[in-house]
């Protein structure tokens, strides 16, 4: 029973991560680079 929950939780996390990354897949390369640099600068503080 607990093993099933661990597997389901891993599947949900995987799906959520894929959904987050799909947003970046749709971006044009120059926009993606600009976004990445912006995020990097915000995290550098």
PDB file of N, CA and C in Angstrom:
ATOM      1  N   UNK A   1       0.826  -1.197   0.000  1.00  0.00           N
ATOM      2  CA  UNK A   1       0.000   0.000   0.000  1.00  0.00           C
ATOM      3  C   UNK A   1       0.871   1.261   0.000  1.00  0.00           C
ATOM      4  N   UNK A   2       1.862   1.312   0.893  1.00  0.00           N
ATOM      5  CA  UNK A   2       2.723   2.487   0.955  1.00  0.00           C
ATOM      6  C   UNK A   2       3.559   2.617  -0.312  1.00  0.00           C
ATOM      7  N   UNK A   3       3.974   1.484  -0.863  1.00  0.00           N
ATOM      8  CA  UNK A   3       4.741   1.499  -2.107  1.00  0.00           C
ATOM      9  C   UNK A   3       3.937   2.089  -3.252  1.00  0.00           C
ATOM     10  N   UNK A   4       2.641   1.768  -3.281  1.00  0.00           N
ATOM     11  CA  UNK A   4       1.768   2.326  -4.318  1.00  0.00           C
ATOM     12  C   UNK A   4       1.670   3.842  -4.194  1.00  0.00           C
ATOM     13  N   UNK A   5       1.587   4.329  -2.963  1.00  0.00           N
ATOM     14  CA  UNK A   5       1.505   5.778  -2.744  1.00  0.00           C
ATOM     15  C   UNK A   5       2.783   6.474  -3.182  1.00  0.00           C
ATOM     16  N   UNK A   6       3.918   5.845  -2.930  1.00  0.00           N
ATOM     17  CA  UNK A   6       5.198   6.427  -3.332  1.00  0.00           C
ATOM     18  C   UNK A   6       5.268   6.516  -4.852  1.00  0.00           C
ATOM     19  N   UNK A   7       4.814   5.474  -5.528  1.00  0.00           N
ATOM     20  CA  UNK A   7       4.822   5.461  -6.995  1.00  0.00           C
ATOM     21  C   UNK A   7       3.886   6.537  -7.541  1.00  0.00           C
ATOM     22  N   UNK A   8       2.678   6.640  -6.979  1.00  0.00           N
ATOM     23  CA  UNK A   8       1.723   7.656  -7.437  1.00  0.00           C
ATOM     24  C   UNK A   8       2.262   9.062  -7.203  1.00  0.00           C
ATOM     25  N   UNK A   9       2.885   9.269  -6.052  1.00  0.00           N
ATOM     26  CA  UNK A   9       3.451  10.588  -5.760  1.00  0.00           C
ATOM     27  C   UNK A   9       4.555  10.934  -6.758  1.00  0.00           C
ATOM     28  N   UNK A  10       5.386   9.963  -7.081  1.00  0.00           N
ATOM     29  CA  UNK A  10       6.456  10.190  -8.059  1.00  0.00           C
ATOM     30  C   UNK A  10       5.874  10.504  -9.433  1.00  0.00           C
ATOM     31  N   UNK A  11       4.802   9.819  -9.809  1.00  0.00           N
ATOM     32  CA  UNK A  11       4.157  10.081 -11.096  1.00  0.00           C
ATOM     33  C   UNK A  11       3.567  11.490 -11.134  1.00  0.00           C
ATOM     34  N   UNK A  12       2.925  11.914 -10.044  1.00  0.00           N
ATOM     35  CA  UNK A  12       2.348  13.260  -9.986  1.00  0.00           C
ATOM     36  C   UNK A  12       3.438  14.322 -10.068  1.00  0.00           C
ATOM     37  N   UNK A  13       4.546  14.098  -9.362  1.00  0.00           N
ATOM     38  CA  UNK A  13       5.653  15.056  -9.410  1.00  0.00           C
ATOM     39  C   UNK A  13       6.228  15.133 -10.817  1.00  0.00           C
ATOM     40  N   UNK A  14       6.333  13.982 -11.465  1.00  0.00           N
ATOM     41  CA  UNK A  14       6.858  13.938 -12.827  1.00  0.00           C
ATOM     42  C   UNK A  14       5.952  14.705 -13.785  1.00  0.00           C
ATOM     43  N   UNK A  15       4.650  14.506 -13.655  1.00  0.00           N
ATOM     44  CA  UNK A  15       3.698  15.209 -14.513  1.00  0.00           C
ATOM     45  C   UNK A  15       3.743  16.714 -14.265  1.00  0.00           C
ATOM     46  N   UNK A  16       3.843  17.115 -13.009  1.00  0.00           N
ATOM     47  CA  UNK A  16       3.897  18.541 -12.678  1.00  0.00           C
ATOM     48  C   UNK A  16       5.161  19.177 -13.248  1.00  0.00           C
ATOM     49  N   UNK A  17       6.278  18.470 -13.130  1.00  0.00           N
ATOM     50  CA  UNK A  17       7.534  18.993 -13.666  1.00  0.00           C
ATOM     51  C   UNK A  17       7.467  19.116 -15.186  1.00  0.00           C
ATOM     52  N   UNK A  18       6.860  18.130 -15.843  1.00  0.00           N
ATOM     53  CA  UNK A  18       6.720  18.176 -17.298  1.00  0.00           C
ATOM     54  C   UNK A  18       5.864  19.372 -17.707  1.00  0.00           C
ATOM     55  N   UNK A  19       4.784  19.631 -16.967  1.00  0.00           N
ATOM     56  CA  UNK A  19       3.919  20.762 -17.279  1.00  0.00           C
ATOM     57  C   UNK A  19       4.674  22.084 -17.130  1.00  0.00           C
ATOM     58  N   UNK A  20       5.514  22.180 -16.095  1.00  0.00           N
ATOM     59  CA  UNK A  20       6.300  23.400 -15.907  1.00  0.00           C
ATOM     60  C   UNK A  20       7.285  23.593 -17.051  1.00  0.00           C
ATOM     61  N   UNK A  21       7.923  22.520 -17.485  1.00  0.00           N
ATOM     62  CA  UNK A  21       8.922  22.615 -18.546  1.00  0.00           C
ATOM     63  C   UNK A  21       8.300  22.826 -19.918  1.00  0.00           C
ATOM     64  N   UNK A  22       7.063  22.385 -20.117  1.00  0.00           N
ATOM     65  CA  UNK A  22       6.382  22.577 -21.402  1.00  0.00           C
ATOM     66  C   UNK A  22       6.239  24.059 -21.750  1.00  0.00           C
ATOM     67  N   UNK A  23       6.123  24.896 -20.739  1.00  0.00           N
ATOM     68  CA  UNK A  23       6.018  26.342 -20.965  1.00  0.00           C
ATOM     69  C   UNK A  23       7.266  26.837 -21.688  1.00  0.00           C
ATOM     70  N   UNK A  24       8.422  26.359 -21.268  1.00  0.00           N
ATOM     71  CA  UNK A  24       9.677  26.795 -21.878  1.00  0.00           C
ATOM     72  C   UNK A  24       9.855  26.214 -23.272  1.00  0.00           C
ATOM     73  N   UNK A  25       9.316  25.053 -23.511  1.00  0.00           N
ATOM     74  CA  UNK A  25       9.439  24.405 -24.818  1.00  0.00           C
ATOM     75  C   UNK A  25       8.766  25.241 -25.910  1.00  0.00           C
ATOM     76  N   UNK A  26       7.725  25.964 -25.552  1.00  0.00           N
ATOM     77  CA  UNK A  26       6.971  26.758 -26.522  1.00  0.00           C
ATOM     78  C   UNK A  26       7.613  28.121 -26.798  1.00  0.00           C
ATOM     79  N   UNK A  27       8.623  28.494 -26.008  1.00  0.00           N
ATOM     80  CA  UNK A  27       9.261  29.809 -26.169  1.00  0.00           C
ATOM     81  C   UNK A  27      10.274  29.783 -27.308  1.00  0.00           C
ATOM     82  N   UNK A  28      10.393  30.914 -27.975  1.00  0.00           N
ATOM     83  CA  UNK A  28      11.429  31.064 -29.001  1.00  0.00           C
ATOM     84  C   UNK A  28      12.782  31.145 -28.297  1.00  0.00           C
ATOM     85  N   UNK A  29      13.850  30.691 -28.962  1.00  0.00           N
ATOM     86  CA  UNK A  29      15.172  30.651 -28.312  1.00  0.00           C
ATOM     87  C   UNK A  29      15.629  31.978 -27.714  1.00  0.00           C
ATOM     88  N   UNK A  30      15.399  33.092 -28.410  1.00  0.00           N
ATOM     89  CA  UNK A  30      15.848  34.373 -27.863  1.00  0.00           C
ATOM     90  C   UNK A  30      15.054  34.772 -26.626  1.00  0.00           C
ATOM     91  N   UNK A  31      13.765  34.458 -26.611  1.00  0.00           N
ATOM     92  CA  UNK A  31      12.935  34.745 -25.439  1.00  0.00           C
ATOM     93  C   UNK A  31      13.333  33.844 -24.278  1.00  0.00           C
ATOM     94  N   UNK A  32      13.636  32.598 -24.580  1.00  0.00           N
ATOM     95  CA  UNK A  32      14.060  31.651 -23.550  1.00  0.00           C
ATOM     96  C   UNK A  32      15.377  32.096 -22.917  1.00  0.00           C
ATOM     97  N   UNK A  33      16.310  32.544 -23.738  1.00  0.00           N
ATOM     98  CA  UNK A  33      17.587  33.038 -23.230  1.00  0.00           C
ATOM     99  C   UNK A  33      17.375  34.266 -22.346  1.00  0.00           C
ATOM    100  N   UNK A  34      16.533  35.189 -22.790  1.00  0.00           N
ATOM    101  CA  UNK A  34      16.252  36.391 -22.004  1.00  0.00           C
ATOM    102  C   UNK A  34      15.619  36.018 -20.665  1.00  0.00           C
ATOM    103  N   UNK A  35      14.701  35.086 -20.690  1.00  0.00           N
ATOM    104  CA  UNK A  35      14.046  34.640 -19.458  1.00  0.00           C
ATOM    105  C   UNK A  35      15.057  33.980 -18.519  1.00  0.00           C
ATOM    106  N   UNK A  36      15.915  33.139 -19.071  1.00  0.00           N
ATOM    107  CA  UNK A  36      16.924  32.452 -18.259  1.00  0.00           C
ATOM    108  C   UNK A  36      17.875  33.451 -17.612  1.00  0.00           C
ATOM    109  N   UNK A  37      18.308  34.452 -18.373  1.00  0.00           N
ATOM    110  CA  UNK A  37      19.207  35.463 -17.819  1.00  0.00           C
ATOM    111  C   UNK A  37      18.516  36.292 -16.738  1.00  0.00           C
ATOM    112  N   UNK A  38      17.242  36.587 -16.942  1.00  0.00           N
ATOM    113  CA  UNK A  38      16.471  37.334 -15.938  1.00  0.00           C
ATOM    114  C   UNK A  38      16.366  36.528 -14.649  1.00  0.00           C
ATOM    115  N   UNK A  39      16.034  35.247 -14.765  1.00  0.00           N
ATOM    116  CA  UNK A  39      15.936  34.378 -13.591  1.00  0.00           C
ATOM    117  C   UNK A  39      17.282  34.260 -12.882  1.00  0.00           C
ATOM    118  N   UNK A  40      18.340  34.132 -13.648  1.00  0.00           N
ATOM    119  CA  UNK A  40      19.682  34.029 -13.081  1.00  0.00           C
ATOM    120  C   UNK A  40      20.029  35.290 -12.292  1.00  0.00           C
ATOM    121  N   UNK A  41      19.711  36.441 -12.860  1.00  0.00           N
ATOM    122  CA  UNK A  41      19.990  37.711 -12.183  1.00  0.00           C
ATOM    123  C   UNK A  41      19.175  37.848 -10.903  1.00  0.00           C
ATOM    124  N   UNK A  42      17.925  37.430 -10.932  1.00  0.00           N
ATOM    125  CA  UNK A  42      17.074  37.523  -9.745  1.00  0.00           C
ATOM    126  C   UNK A  42      17.573  36.608  -8.634  1.00  0.00           C
ATOM    127  N   UNK A  43      18.125  35.470  -8.985  1.00  0.00           N
ATOM    128  CA  UNK A  43      18.609  34.519  -7.984  1.00  0.00           C
ATOM    129  C   UNK A  43      20.020  34.835  -7.513  1.00  0.00           C
ATOM    130  N   UNK A  44      20.680  35.795  -8.132  1.00  0.00           N
ATOM    131  CA  UNK A  44      22.056  36.133  -7.775  1.00  0.00           C
ATOM    132  C   UNK A  44      22.129  37.061  -6.560  1.00  0.00           C
ATOM    133  N   UNK A  45      21.008  37.615  -6.178  1.00  0.00           N
ATOM    134  CA  UNK A  45      20.998  38.575  -5.059  1.00  0.00           C
ATOM    135  C   UNK A  45      21.320  37.914  -3.745  1.00  0.00           C
TER     136      UNK A  45
END
